[in-house]
Protein backbone atom coordinates (compact mmCIF):
# COMPACT_ATOMS: atom_id res chain seq x y z
CA MET A 1 99.10 76.00 113.63
CA VAL A 2 100.46 79.19 112.13
CA ASN A 3 99.36 82.33 113.93
CA TYR A 4 98.28 85.09 111.53
CA LYS A 5 96.64 87.24 114.17
CA SER A 6 97.99 90.71 114.68
CA ASP A 7 95.98 93.00 116.93
CA THR A 8 97.49 96.11 115.38
CA LEU A 9 96.63 95.00 111.83
CA ASP A 10 93.16 93.89 112.90
CA ARG A 11 92.40 97.24 114.50
CA THR A 12 93.87 99.18 111.56
CA PHE A 13 91.87 97.34 108.91
CA SER A 14 88.75 97.43 111.05
CA ALA A 15 89.08 101.18 111.47
CA LEU A 16 89.72 101.68 107.74
CA ALA A 17 86.70 99.56 106.79
CA ASP A 18 84.23 102.39 107.40
CA PRO A 19 83.92 105.15 104.76
CA THR A 20 83.21 107.84 107.37
CA ARG A 21 86.41 106.99 109.23
CA ARG A 22 88.38 107.02 105.98
CA ALA A 23 86.92 110.46 105.21
CA LEU A 24 87.90 111.66 108.68
CA LEU A 25 91.46 110.47 108.09
CA ALA A 26 91.52 112.22 104.71
CA ARG A 27 90.45 115.49 106.37
CA LEU A 28 93.13 115.07 109.03
CA ASP A 29 95.70 114.45 106.30
CA GLU A 30 94.74 117.76 104.66
CA GLN A 31 94.68 119.79 107.89
CA ASP A 32 96.86 119.08 110.89
CA GLY A 33 95.37 119.69 114.33
CA VAL A 34 91.66 120.03 113.58
CA SER A 35 89.12 120.48 116.36
CA VAL A 36 86.48 117.75 116.66
CA SER A 37 83.65 120.19 115.91
CA ASP A 38 85.41 121.46 112.75
CA LEU A 39 86.16 117.88 111.76
CA ALA A 40 82.51 116.85 112.20
CA ARG A 41 80.98 119.86 110.41
CA PRO A 42 80.77 118.48 106.82
CA PHE A 43 79.38 115.09 107.86
CA PRO A 44 75.62 114.41 107.94
CA VAL A 45 75.87 112.60 111.29
CA SER A 46 75.73 113.83 114.86
CA LEU A 47 78.72 114.94 116.87
CA PRO A 48 78.42 111.92 119.23
CA ALA A 49 78.57 109.64 116.16
CA ILE A 50 81.75 111.38 115.00
CA MET A 51 83.17 110.98 118.52
CA LYS A 52 82.53 107.22 118.32
CA HIS A 53 84.30 107.07 114.97
CA LEU A 54 87.22 108.99 116.47
CA ASP A 55 87.30 106.52 119.40
CA VAL A 56 87.73 103.64 116.92
CA LEU A 57 90.46 105.53 115.07
CA ALA A 58 92.22 106.36 118.35
CA ASP A 59 92.01 102.72 119.52
CA ALA A 60 93.66 101.71 116.24
CA GLY A 61 96.39 104.28 116.86
CA LEU A 62 95.53 106.25 113.73
CA VAL A 63 94.44 109.42 115.52
CA VAL A 64 95.89 111.26 118.50
CA ARG A 65 93.64 113.61 120.45
CA SER A 66 94.75 116.41 122.69
CA LYS A 67 92.67 118.73 124.83
CA ALA A 68 93.32 122.41 125.45
CA GLY A 69 90.60 123.89 127.62
CA ARG A 70 87.29 122.83 126.12
CA THR A 71 88.69 122.22 122.64
CA VAL A 72 89.73 118.72 121.59
CA THR A 73 92.01 118.63 118.56
CA CYS A 74 92.89 115.59 116.48
CA ARG A 75 96.05 114.74 114.59
CA LEU A 76 96.72 111.95 112.12
CA LYS A 77 99.19 109.30 113.21
CA ALA A 78 100.02 107.16 110.19
CA GLU A 79 102.43 104.58 111.69
CA PRO A 80 99.81 101.79 111.96
CA MET A 81 99.01 102.30 108.27
CA GLU A 82 102.69 101.70 107.46
CA GLN A 83 102.46 98.23 108.99
CA ALA A 84 99.29 97.58 106.97
CA MET A 85 101.01 98.79 103.79
CA ASN A 86 103.94 96.45 104.42
CA TRP A 87 101.53 93.55 104.86
CA LEU A 88 99.70 94.49 101.64
CA ALA A 89 102.99 94.95 99.74
CA LYS A 90 103.94 91.35 100.51
CA TYR A 91 100.76 90.13 98.85
CA GLU A 92 101.14 92.60 96.00
CA ARG A 93 104.54 91.07 95.20
CA TYR A 94 103.02 87.57 95.37
CA TRP A 95 100.13 88.40 93.02
CA THR A 96 102.37 90.32 90.63
CA GLU A 97 104.61 87.25 90.33
CA GLN A 98 101.60 84.98 89.81
CA LEU A 99 100.10 87.24 87.14
CA ASP A 100 103.47 87.53 85.39
CA ARG A 101 103.70 83.73 85.29
CA LEU A 102 100.17 83.53 83.92
CA ALA A 103 100.93 86.12 81.22
CA ALA A 104 104.08 84.20 80.21
CA PHE A 105 102.07 80.98 80.01
CA VAL A 106 99.35 82.57 77.87
CA GLU A 107 101.93 84.12 75.53
CA GLN A 108 103.72 80.79 75.24
CA ASP A 109 100.42 79.00 74.57
CA ASP A 110 99.45 81.58 71.93
CA SER A 111 102.77 81.14 70.15
CA ARG A 112 102.24 77.35 70.10
CA ASN A 113 98.77 77.79 68.56
CA ASP A 114 100.17 80.11 65.87
CA ILE A 115 102.64 77.45 64.64
CA GLY A 116 101.29 75.73 61.54
CA ASN A 117 98.40 78.15 61.08
CA ASP A 118 100.10 80.18 58.37
CA THR A 119 98.17 78.38 55.58
CA GLY A 120 94.92 79.94 56.65
CA ASN A 121 93.39 76.55 57.37
CA ASP A 122 92.24 76.82 60.99
CA LYS A 123 90.20 73.63 61.20
CA GLY A 124 90.68 71.94 64.51
CA ASN A 125 93.16 74.50 65.84
CA ASP A 126 90.77 77.23 66.95
CA PRO A 127 89.89 76.71 70.63
CA TRP A 128 86.70 78.74 70.16
CA GLN A 129 85.25 76.47 67.48
CA PRO A 130 82.93 73.71 68.69
CA SER A 131 84.48 70.28 68.65
CA PRO A 132 83.17 67.79 66.08
CA ALA A 133 80.76 65.08 67.13
CA SER A 134 82.18 62.17 69.03
CA PRO A 135 83.69 59.56 66.72
CA SER A 136 82.02 56.86 68.79
CA SER A 137 79.98 54.33 66.81
CA ALA A 138 77.61 53.72 69.70
CA VAL A 139 73.99 54.60 69.13
CA SER A 140 72.42 56.69 71.83
CA ARG A 141 68.97 55.80 73.10
CA ARG A 142 66.23 58.09 74.27
CA ARG A 143 66.02 58.71 77.98
CA ARG A 144 62.90 57.66 79.77
CA LYS A 145 60.73 60.30 81.35
CA GLY A 146 61.49 61.14 84.94
CA SER A 147 57.98 60.32 86.12
CA SER A 148 54.96 58.45 84.88
CA ARG A 149 51.32 59.43 84.72
CA PRO A 150 49.56 59.81 88.04
CA GLY A 151 47.84 56.64 89.20
CA PRO A 152 44.29 56.31 90.43
CA SER A 153 43.49 58.29 93.52
CA ARG A 154 42.34 56.61 96.69
CA ARG A 155 38.85 57.52 97.73
CA LYS A 156 36.92 56.31 100.71
């Protein structure tokens, strides 16, 4: 079995899954070395809730906290996001190649459909037109009903 588990990637994507944590990271990207109370000020949640979000970000390695006296400051540490970006870039290349192949196929298919249509007579060549009735000579019969009338009820 192939092992796709990466604890660093799992923690990074888990931390980035929450919009509050992403907003905290955006604030830390704008200002370096922000105190926890300043960081929590614009959010409509309690300071202990922000602390829990910061714990998740710190466990993922995305935030580094330092304490000077009673003030705890936070700094953004973006290295775990680089690993996530490399992982995503691999799949971006894959899907770009797949979509390029699909576009080439559709263009090739369109050019095939355009051949012979220069007379203006589109009958049978338009994939959006309904197909004619089946040329079968068989006669179809009516289907029977799924159920019959209710029978007599049993009474005592």
